[in-house]
Amino acid sequence: MAEVSACPQCGMENTYFDGTVYVCPDCSYEWTGEGMEAEADSVPKDSNGTELFDGDAVTVIKDLKVKGLSMVIKRGTKVKSIKLTDNPEEVDCRIDGSGIVLKTCFLKKG
């Protein structure tokens, strides 16, 4: 059985699942559990599932063609001091003086 969390509106712990939605009897707020799962997915992770932070150093795990340029980022390229973006599946970085956005699924922390 899934654990029922506190009400996102009033914060009270007196909540229950009625079969389709979660209900808070204190403030009469109803919500689905989907918002809670999406919040957990908002954490950027590398290809191995390790959490990424601003300033981390990562390694590219696959040769990547850069759109709009004749540049290829080779597997094993080390990227220092990444910056997280609003999208948890992308990071901003600089490679050979060019600002590039990379997908986290092609990166390995370390």
Protein backbone atom coordinates (compact mmCIF):
# COMPACT_ATOMS: atom_id res chain seq x y z
CA MET A 1 0.00 0.00 0.00
CA ALA A 2 1.32 3.43 -0.93
CA GLU A 3 2.07 5.76 1.93
CA VAL A 4 -0.27 8.74 2.09
CA SER A 5 1.58 12.02 2.50
CA ALA A 6 0.55 15.32 4.03
CA CYS A 7 -1.92 17.57 2.28
CA PRO A 8 -0.10 19.82 -0.23
CA GLN A 9 -2.48 22.70 0.50
CA CYS A 10 -2.73 22.84 4.31
CA GLY A 11 0.05 20.45 5.36
CA MET A 12 -2.11 18.36 7.70
CA GLU A 13 -1.27 14.65 8.03
CA ASN A 14 -4.91 13.54 8.33
CA THR A 15 -5.26 12.45 4.66
CA TYR A 16 -6.57 9.32 2.99
CA PHE A 17 -6.91 7.71 -0.44
CA ASP A 18 -10.54 7.12 -1.49
CA GLY A 19 -9.77 4.88 -4.48
CA THR A 20 -9.27 7.54 -7.15
CA VAL A 21 -7.86 10.65 -5.42
CA TYR A 22 -6.26 11.65 -2.13
CA VAL A 23 -8.53 13.64 0.19
CA CYS A 24 -7.80 15.99 3.08
CA PRO A 25 -10.80 16.10 5.44
CA ASP A 26 -9.41 19.20 7.20
CA CYS A 27 -9.50 21.55 4.20
CA SER A 28 -11.50 19.40 1.69
CA TYR A 29 -8.66 19.49 -0.83
CA GLU A 30 -8.45 16.59 -3.34
CA TRP A 31 -5.41 15.66 -5.46
CA THR A 32 -3.96 12.81 -7.47
CA GLY A 33 -0.62 11.24 -6.56
CA GLU A 34 0.86 12.15 -9.96
CA GLY A 35 2.22 15.49 -8.77
CA MET A 36 4.23 13.80 -6.05
CA GLU A 37 5.88 11.42 -8.53
CA ALA A 38 6.72 14.23 -10.95
CA GLU A 39 8.52 16.06 -8.16
CA ALA A 40 10.84 13.08 -7.64
CA ASP A 41 11.57 12.98 -11.39
CA SER A 42 12.75 16.60 -11.33
CA VAL A 43 16.15 15.59 -9.94
CA PRO A 44 18.82 15.51 -12.70
CA LYS A 45 20.63 12.15 -12.85
CA ASP A 46 23.38 10.77 -15.06
CA SER A 47 23.18 7.56 -17.10
CA ASN A 48 23.92 5.47 -13.97
CA GLY A 49 21.28 7.18 -11.83
CA THR A 50 23.71 9.28 -9.81
CA GLU A 51 22.36 12.70 -8.87
CA LEU A 52 24.03 15.65 -10.60
CA PHE A 53 24.77 19.06 -9.04
CA ASP A 54 26.03 22.42 -10.32
CA GLY A 55 29.80 22.35 -10.77
CA ASP A 56 30.12 18.56 -11.14
CA ALA A 57 32.60 17.04 -13.58
CA VAL A 58 31.15 14.48 -15.99
CA THR A 59 32.36 12.21 -18.80
CA VAL A 60 30.60 11.70 -22.14
CA ILE A 61 29.74 8.00 -22.66
CA LYS A 62 28.94 8.11 -26.41
CA ASP A 63 30.17 9.97 -29.51
CA LEU A 64 27.78 12.88 -30.02
CA LYS A 65 27.29 14.92 -33.21
CA VAL A 66 26.61 18.57 -32.45
CA LYS A 67 23.67 19.98 -34.40
CA GLY A 68 24.54 23.05 -36.43
CA LEU A 69 28.29 22.46 -36.21
CA SER A 70 30.68 20.05 -37.85
CA MET A 71 31.90 19.11 -34.38
CA VAL A 72 31.75 15.66 -32.78
CA ILE A 73 32.11 15.23 -29.02
CA LYS A 74 34.08 12.02 -28.60
CA ARG A 75 33.31 9.35 -26.01
CA GLY A 76 35.47 9.85 -22.91
CA THR A 77 35.51 13.65 -23.16
CA LYS A 78 35.65 15.14 -19.68
CA VAL A 79 33.44 18.14 -19.01
CA LYS A 80 34.16 20.27 -15.95
CA SER A 81 31.75 22.46 -13.99
CA ILE A 82 28.38 21.70 -15.53
CA LYS A 83 25.38 23.94 -14.87
CA LEU A 84 21.93 22.50 -14.28
CA THR A 85 19.04 23.80 -16.39
CA ASP A 86 15.30 23.99 -15.73
CA ASN A 87 14.94 20.68 -17.59
CA PRO A 88 16.25 17.80 -15.40
CA GLU A 89 17.25 15.87 -18.55
CA GLU A 90 19.72 18.54 -19.75
CA VAL A 91 22.86 20.27 -18.48
CA ASP A 92 24.66 23.33 -19.79
CA CYS A 93 28.44 23.18 -20.25
CA ARG A 94 31.40 24.48 -22.25
CA ILE A 95 33.42 22.24 -24.57
CA ASP A 96 36.29 23.70 -26.61
CA GLY A 97 35.02 27.22 -25.90
CA SER A 98 31.48 26.53 -27.16
CA GLY A 99 28.45 26.63 -24.89
CA ILE A 100 26.57 23.34 -25.37
CA VAL A 101 23.53 21.71 -23.79
CA LEU A 102 23.93 17.95 -23.27
CA LYS A 103 21.38 15.28 -22.37
CA THR A 104 22.10 13.68 -18.99
CA CYS A 105 21.52 10.18 -20.43
CA PHE A 106 24.86 10.55 -22.30
CA LEU A 107 26.84 11.58 -19.22
CA LYS A 108 28.57 9.75 -16.38
CA LYS A 109 29.54 11.54 -13.18
CA GLY A 110 33.21 11.45 -12.29
